[in-house]
């Protein structure tokens, strides 16, 4: 059975994933490898909402008004967030969906959201990732495996590629995970532009 707190946490996880995808796109890095993960999380959110709606009906029929009231208070906000996040995922943005995306449900994640919404700045003159070799006009660009590092895979469903690392994590672990991902993006891509 899903509860409202779990769904609010899942919504924050999806928001951070969408913000990571936006950051990657702003740095001209394909963020599509994360799309399968986001899509599965949105499906899980949808299923959780359906379970919560069923639980609300069950509680109302059982006459447990206090428990039903707790769910009915949370349900509209969760439904709005689901709609906004789904719209964001499919590229339909509006001030409402952007506002939902940039605000955490859990205040302990505010610093992650603040970091994720900042635009990377090119504070140095280098236009390449740290330790990147220059592209030789005679040799051509570096292979993608070298360019994106050992975690890059052509197939995001490859067992050695991106995995749903946040599955089953606590709120604190998700917070640390997203902070690590954002720091890695900043470390490798700040100021980088295709040559």
C-alpha atoms as a PDB file:
ATOM      1  CA  UNK A   1       0.000   0.000   0.000  1.00  0.00           C
ATOM      2  CA  UNK A   2       1.350   3.413  -0.952  1.00  0.00           C
ATOM      3  CA  UNK A   3       1.063   6.255   1.478  1.00  0.00           C
ATOM      4  CA  UNK A   4       1.074   9.981   0.808  1.00  0.00           C
ATOM      5  CA  UNK A   5       4.524  10.539   2.344  1.00  0.00           C
ATOM      6  CA  UNK A   6       6.070   7.903   0.079  1.00  0.00           C
ATOM      7  CA  UNK A   7       4.473   9.522  -2.959  1.00  0.00           C
ATOM      8  CA  UNK A   8       5.712  12.984  -1.972  1.00  0.00           C
ATOM      9  CA  UNK A   9       9.211  11.509  -1.659  1.00  0.00           C
ATOM     10  CA  UNK A  10       8.856   9.791  -5.037  1.00  0.00           C
ATOM     11  CA  UNK A  11       7.717  13.112  -6.541  1.00  0.00           C
ATOM     12  CA  UNK A  12      10.870  14.789  -5.199  1.00  0.00           C
ATOM     13  CA  UNK A  13      12.980  11.998  -6.686  1.00  0.00           C
ATOM     14  CA  UNK A  14      11.325  12.500 -10.092  1.00  0.00           C
ATOM     15  CA  UNK A  15      11.774  16.269  -9.843  1.00  0.00           C
ATOM     16  CA  UNK A  16      15.492  15.900  -9.171  1.00  0.00           C
ATOM     17  CA  UNK A  17      15.805  13.435 -12.055  1.00  0.00           C
ATOM     18  CA  UNK A  18      14.059  15.882 -14.400  1.00  0.00           C
ATOM     19  CA  UNK A  19      16.308  18.707 -13.180  1.00  0.00           C
ATOM     20  CA  UNK A  20      19.366  16.513 -13.799  1.00  0.00           C
ATOM     21  CA  UNK A  21      18.093  15.876 -17.319  1.00  0.00           C
ATOM     22  CA  UNK A  22      17.639  19.632 -17.880  1.00  0.00           C
ATOM     23  CA  UNK A  23      21.176  20.314 -16.642  1.00  0.00           C
ATOM     24  CA  UNK A  24      22.573  17.669 -18.955  1.00  0.00           C
ATOM     25  CA  UNK A  25      20.661  19.157 -21.893  1.00  0.00           C
ATOM     26  CA  UNK A  26      21.892  22.660 -21.044  1.00  0.00           C
ATOM     27  CA  UNK A  27      25.429  21.300 -21.252  1.00  0.00           C
ATOM     28  CA  UNK A  28      24.682  19.623 -24.607  1.00  0.00           C
ATOM     29  CA  UNK A  29      24.887  16.189 -23.037  1.00  0.00           C
ATOM     30  CA  UNK A  30      22.192  13.752 -24.004  1.00  0.00           C
ATOM     31  CA  UNK A  31      19.894  13.358 -21.013  1.00  0.00           C
ATOM     32  CA  UNK A  32      17.856  10.682 -22.759  1.00  0.00           C
ATOM     33  CA  UNK A  33      19.608   7.808 -20.991  1.00  0.00           C
ATOM     34  CA  UNK A  34      17.707   8.805 -17.843  1.00  0.00           C
ATOM     35  CA  UNK A  35      14.314   8.805 -19.602  1.00  0.00           C
ATOM     36  CA  UNK A  36      13.572   5.122 -18.955  1.00  0.00           C
ATOM     37  CA  UNK A  37      14.195   5.610 -15.257  1.00  0.00           C
ATOM     38  CA  UNK A  38      11.987   8.717 -15.129  1.00  0.00           C
ATOM     39  CA  UNK A  39       9.239   6.965 -17.077  1.00  0.00           C
ATOM     40  CA  UNK A  40       9.260   4.006 -14.671  1.00  0.00           C
ATOM     41  CA  UNK A  41       9.160   6.385 -11.705  1.00  0.00           C
ATOM     42  CA  UNK A  42       6.172   8.215 -13.211  1.00  0.00           C
ATOM     43  CA  UNK A  43       4.412   4.861 -13.727  1.00  0.00           C
ATOM     44  CA  UNK A  44       5.128   3.988 -10.102  1.00  0.00           C
ATOM     45  CA  UNK A  45       3.733   7.396  -9.057  1.00  0.00           C
ATOM     46  CA  UNK A  46       0.561   6.799 -11.099  1.00  0.00           C
ATOM     47  CA  UNK A  47       0.096   3.349  -9.557  1.00  0.00           C
ATOM     48  CA  UNK A  48       0.668   4.807  -6.089  1.00  0.00           C
ATOM     49  CA  UNK A  49      -1.980   7.464  -6.709  1.00  0.00           C
ATOM     50  CA  UNK A  50      -4.475   4.789  -7.780  1.00  0.00           C
ATOM     51  CA  UNK A  51      -3.696   2.765  -4.648  1.00  0.00           C
ATOM     52  CA  UNK A  52      -4.089   5.865  -2.484  1.00  0.00           C
ATOM     53  CA  UNK A  53      -7.464   6.654  -4.085  1.00  0.00           C
ATOM     54  CA  UNK A  54      -8.595   3.067  -3.414  1.00  0.00           C
ATOM     55  CA  UNK A  55      -7.409   3.326   0.179  1.00  0.00           C
ATOM     56  CA  UNK A  56      -9.370   6.571   0.574  1.00  0.00           C
ATOM     57  CA  UNK A  57     -12.564   4.850  -0.637  1.00  0.00           C
ATOM     58  CA  UNK A  58     -11.948   1.896   1.668  1.00  0.00           C
ATOM     59  CA  UNK A  59     -11.424   4.153   4.684  1.00  0.00           C
ATOM     60  CA  UNK A  60     -14.536   6.191   3.881  1.00  0.00           C
ATOM     61  CA  UNK A  61     -16.617   3.030   3.565  1.00  0.00           C
ATOM     62  CA  UNK A  62     -15.184   1.749   6.850  1.00  0.00           C
ATOM     63  CA  UNK A  63     -16.091   5.045   8.546  1.00  0.00           C
ATOM     64  CA  UNK A  64     -12.487   5.927   9.459  1.00  0.00           C
ATOM     65  CA  UNK A  65     -12.912   9.644   8.798  1.00  0.00           C
ATOM     66  CA  UNK A  66      -9.615  10.755  10.404  1.00  0.00           C
ATOM     67  CA  UNK A  67      -7.467   8.499   8.214  1.00  0.00           C
ATOM     68  CA  UNK A  68      -9.604   9.332   5.169  1.00  0.00           C
ATOM     69  CA  UNK A  69      -9.171  13.044   5.866  1.00  0.00           C
ATOM     70  CA  UNK A  70      -5.369  12.686   5.927  1.00  0.00           C
ATOM     71  CA  UNK A  71      -5.432  11.091   2.464  1.00  0.00           C
ATOM     72  CA  UNK A  72      -8.022  13.454   1.024  1.00  0.00           C
ATOM     73  CA  UNK A  73      -5.914  16.434   2.157  1.00  0.00           C
ATOM     74  CA  UNK A  74      -2.829  15.110   0.348  1.00  0.00           C
ATOM     75  CA  UNK A  75      -4.424  13.657  -2.774  1.00  0.00           C
ATOM     76  CA  UNK A  76      -5.098  16.887  -4.767  1.00  0.00           C
ATOM     77  CA  UNK A  77      -1.488  18.090  -4.315  1.00  0.00           C
ATOM     78  CA  UNK A  78      -0.121  14.710  -5.362  1.00  0.00           C
ATOM     79  CA  UNK A  79      -2.407  14.559  -8.400  1.00  0.00           C
ATOM     80  CA  UNK A  80      -1.302  18.056  -9.465  1.00  0.00           C
ATOM     81  CA  UNK A  81       2.351  17.135  -9.058  1.00  0.00           C
ATOM     82  CA  UNK A  82       1.858  13.961 -11.091  1.00  0.00           C
ATOM     83  CA  UNK A  83       0.223  15.953 -13.902  1.00  0.00           C
ATOM     84  CA  UNK A  84       2.917  18.657 -13.830  1.00  0.00           C
ATOM     85  CA  UNK A  85       5.800  16.163 -13.758  1.00  0.00           C
ATOM     86  CA  UNK A  86       4.290  14.137 -16.591  1.00  0.00           C
ATOM     87  CA  UNK A  87       3.916  17.338 -18.635  1.00  0.00           C
ATOM     88  CA  UNK A  88       7.541  18.306 -17.885  1.00  0.00           C
ATOM     89  CA  UNK A  89       8.750  14.840 -18.874  1.00  0.00           C
ATOM     90  CA  UNK A  90       6.997  15.108 -22.239  1.00  0.00           C
ATOM     91  CA  UNK A  91       8.303  18.636 -22.842  1.00  0.00           C
ATOM     92  CA  UNK A  92       5.140  20.600 -22.100  1.00  0.00           C
ATOM     93  CA  UNK A  93       6.269  23.339 -19.778  1.00  0.00           C
ATOM     94  CA  UNK A  94       4.322  26.153 -18.225  1.00  0.00           C
ATOM     95  CA  UNK A  95       4.885  28.403 -15.195  1.00  0.00           C
ATOM     96  CA  UNK A  96       2.841  25.936 -13.120  1.00  0.00           C
ATOM     97  CA  UNK A  97       4.870  22.881 -14.139  1.00  0.00           C
ATOM     98  CA  UNK A  98       8.144  24.755 -13.678  1.00  0.00           C
ATOM     99  CA  UNK A  99       7.097  25.860 -10.191  1.00  0.00           C
ATOM    100  CA  UNK A 100       6.257  22.263  -9.243  1.00  0.00           C
ATOM    101  CA  UNK A 101       9.564  21.013 -10.636  1.00  0.00           C
ATOM    102  CA  UNK A 102      11.729  23.450  -8.708  1.00  0.00           C
ATOM    103  CA  UNK A 103      10.234  23.090  -5.215  1.00  0.00           C
ATOM    104  CA  UNK A 104      10.877  20.169  -2.889  1.00  0.00           C
ATOM    105  CA  UNK A 105       8.128  18.545  -0.862  1.00  0.00           C
ATOM    106  CA  UNK A 106      10.673  17.617   1.793  1.00  0.00           C
ATOM    107  CA  UNK A 107      12.503  20.673   3.188  1.00  0.00           C
ATOM    108  CA  UNK A 108      15.629  18.564   3.789  1.00  0.00           C
ATOM    109  CA  UNK A 109      16.060  18.428   0.002  1.00  0.00           C
ATOM    110  CA  UNK A 110      15.963  22.227  -0.496  1.00  0.00           C
ATOM    111  CA  UNK A 111      19.733  22.482  -0.936  1.00  0.00           C
ATOM    112  CA  UNK A 112      19.658  19.779  -3.626  1.00  0.00           C
ATOM    113  CA  UNK A 113      16.903  21.615  -5.454  1.00  0.00           C
ATOM    114  CA  UNK A 114      18.769  24.908  -5.165  1.00  0.00           C
ATOM    115  CA  UNK A 115      21.915  23.307  -6.567  1.00  0.00           C
ATOM    116  CA  UNK A 116      20.018  21.505  -9.327  1.00  0.00           C
ATOM    117  CA  UNK A 117      18.271  24.668 -10.508  1.00  0.00           C
ATOM    118  CA  UNK A 118      21.468  26.723 -10.772  1.00  0.00           C
ATOM    119  CA  UNK A 119      22.811  27.089 -14.262  1.00  0.00           C
ATOM    120  CA  UNK A 120      26.377  25.825 -14.646  1.00  0.00           C
ATOM    121  CA  UNK A 121      28.802  28.692 -15.140  1.00  0.00           C
ATOM    122  CA  UNK A 122      31.915  28.719 -17.255  1.00  0.00           C
ATOM    123  CA  UNK A 123      34.240  30.283 -14.702  1.00  0.00           C
ATOM    124  CA  UNK A 124      37.381  29.216 -16.484  1.00  0.00           C
ATOM    125  CA  UNK A 125      38.591  29.611 -20.017  1.00  0.00           C
ATOM    126  CA  UNK A 126      38.626  25.888 -20.734  1.00  0.00           C
ATOM    127  CA  UNK A 127      35.846  24.734 -22.984  1.00  0.00           C
ATOM    128  CA  UNK A 128      36.421  21.042 -22.295  1.00  0.00           C
ATOM    129  CA  UNK A 129      35.949  18.705 -19.367  1.00  0.00           C
ATOM    130  CA  UNK A 130      38.877  18.340 -16.976  1.00  0.00           C
ATOM    131  CA  UNK A 131      41.625  16.085 -18.340  1.00  0.00           C
ATOM    132  CA  UNK A 132      40.020  15.956 -21.796  1.00  0.00           C
ATOM    133  CA  UNK A 133      42.295  15.716 -24.778  1.00  0.00           C
ATOM    134  CA  UNK A 134      41.909  18.115 -27.636  1.00  0.00           C
ATOM    135  CA  UNK A 135      40.149  16.819 -30.720  1.00  0.00           C
ATOM    136  CA  UNK A 136      42.587  16.364 -33.533  1.00  0.00           C
ATOM    137  CA  UNK A 137      41.259  17.424 -36.907  1.00  0.00           C
ATOM    138  CA  UNK A 138      43.047  14.486 -38.481  1.00  0.00           C
ATOM    139  CA  UNK A 139      42.096  11.893 -35.866  1.00  0.00           C
ATOM    140  CA  UNK A 140      38.507  13.013 -35.327  1.00  0.00           C
ATOM    141  CA  UNK A 141      36.492  13.045 -32.119  1.00  0.00           C
ATOM    142  CA  UNK A 142      37.138  10.706 -29.246  1.00  0.00           C
ATOM    143  CA  UNK A 143      34.992   7.575 -28.982  1.00  0.00           C
ATOM    144  CA  UNK A 144      31.886   8.052 -26.849  1.00  0.00           C
ATOM    145  CA  UNK A 145      33.126   5.598 -24.215  1.00  0.00           C
ATOM    146  CA  UNK A 146      36.153   7.811 -23.610  1.00  0.00           C
ATOM    147  CA  UNK A 147      34.206  11.049 -23.858  1.00  0.00           C
ATOM    148  CA  UNK A 148      31.495  10.137 -21.378  1.00  0.00           C
ATOM    149  CA  UNK A 149      33.544   7.881 -19.138  1.00  0.00           C
ATOM    150  CA  UNK A 150      33.151   4.301 -18.098  1.00  0.00           C
ATOM    151  CA  UNK A 151      29.507   4.668 -16.961  1.00  0.00           C
ATOM    152  CA  UNK A 152      28.284   5.588 -20.449  1.00  0.00           C
ATOM    153  CA  UNK A 153      26.544   2.869 -22.441  1.00  0.00           C
ATOM    154  CA  UNK A 154      24.694   3.050 -25.752  1.00  0.00           C
ATOM    155  CA  UNK A 155      21.879   1.013 -24.257  1.00  0.00           C
ATOM    156  CA  UNK A 156      20.550   2.560 -21.019  1.00  0.00           C
ATOM    157  CA  UNK A 157      18.919  -0.780 -20.149  1.00  0.00           C
ATOM    158  CA  UNK A 158      22.309  -2.520 -20.283  1.00  0.00           C
ATOM    159  CA  UNK A 159      22.980  -4.042 -16.864  1.00  0.00           C
ATOM    160  CA  UNK A 160      26.330  -2.272 -16.716  1.00  0.00           C
ATOM    161  CA  UNK A 161      24.839   1.106 -17.689  1.00  0.00           C
ATOM    162  CA  UNK A 162      22.530   3.437 -15.803  1.00  0.00           C
ATOM    163  CA  UNK A 163      20.484   1.701 -13.134  1.00  0.00           C
ATOM    164  CA  UNK A 164      17.716   2.857 -10.877  1.00  0.00           C
ATOM    165  CA  UNK A 165      20.205   3.405  -8.085  1.00  0.00           C
ATOM    166  CA  UNK A 166      17.674   5.277  -5.954  1.00  0.00           C
ATOM    167  CA  UNK A 167      15.264   2.343  -5.793  1.00  0.00           C
ATOM    168  CA  UNK A 168      14.715   1.382  -2.182  1.00  0.00           C
ATOM    169  CA  UNK A 169      16.817   4.209  -0.772  1.00  0.00           C
ATOM    170  CA  UNK A 170      15.834   6.257   2.232  1.00  0.00           C
ATOM    171  CA  UNK A 171      15.204   9.988   1.922  1.00  0.00           C
ATOM    172  CA  UNK A 172      18.718  10.766   3.181  1.00  0.00           C
ATOM    173  CA  UNK A 173      20.284   8.283   0.755  1.00  0.00           C
ATOM    174  CA  UNK A 174      18.360   9.770  -2.180  1.00  0.00           C
ATOM    175  CA  UNK A 175      19.513  13.215  -1.091  1.00  0.00           C
ATOM    176  CA  UNK A 176      23.147  12.044  -1.049  1.00  0.00           C
ATOM    177  CA  UNK A 177      22.754  10.229  -4.373  1.00  0.00           C
ATOM    178  CA  UNK A 178      21.386  13.278  -6.184  1.00  0.00           C
ATOM    179  CA  UNK A 179      24.025  15.509  -4.636  1.00  0.00           C
ATOM    180  CA  UNK A 180      26.731  13.136  -5.933  1.00  0.00           C
ATOM    181  CA  UNK A 181      25.218  13.099  -9.454  1.00  0.00           C
ATOM    182  CA  UNK A 182      25.028  16.897  -9.594  1.00  0.00           C
ATOM    183  CA  UNK A 183      28.592  17.273  -8.322  1.00  0.00           C
ATOM    184  CA  UNK A 184      29.831  14.788 -10.917  1.00  0.00           C
ATOM    185  CA  UNK A 185      28.069  16.710 -13.683  1.00  0.00           C
ATOM    186  CA  UNK A 186      29.576  19.976 -12.485  1.00  0.00           C
ATOM    187  CA  UNK A 187      33.032  18.479 -12.100  1.00  0.00           C
ATOM    188  CA  UNK A 188      33.136  17.044 -15.597  1.00  0.00           C
ATOM    189  CA  UNK A 189      31.078  19.440 -17.662  1.00  0.00           C
ATOM    190  CA  UNK A 190      31.218  22.996 -16.321  1.00  0.00           C
ATOM    191  CA  UNK A 191      32.429  25.195 -19.114  1.00  0.00           C
ATOM    192  CA  UNK A 192      32.522  22.386 -21.637  1.00  0.00           C
ATOM    193  CA  UNK A 193      31.246  23.066 -25.121  1.00  0.00           C
ATOM    194  CA  UNK A 194      31.558  20.876 -28.222  1.00  0.00           C
ATOM    195  CA  UNK A 195      34.639  21.706 -30.287  1.00  0.00           C
END
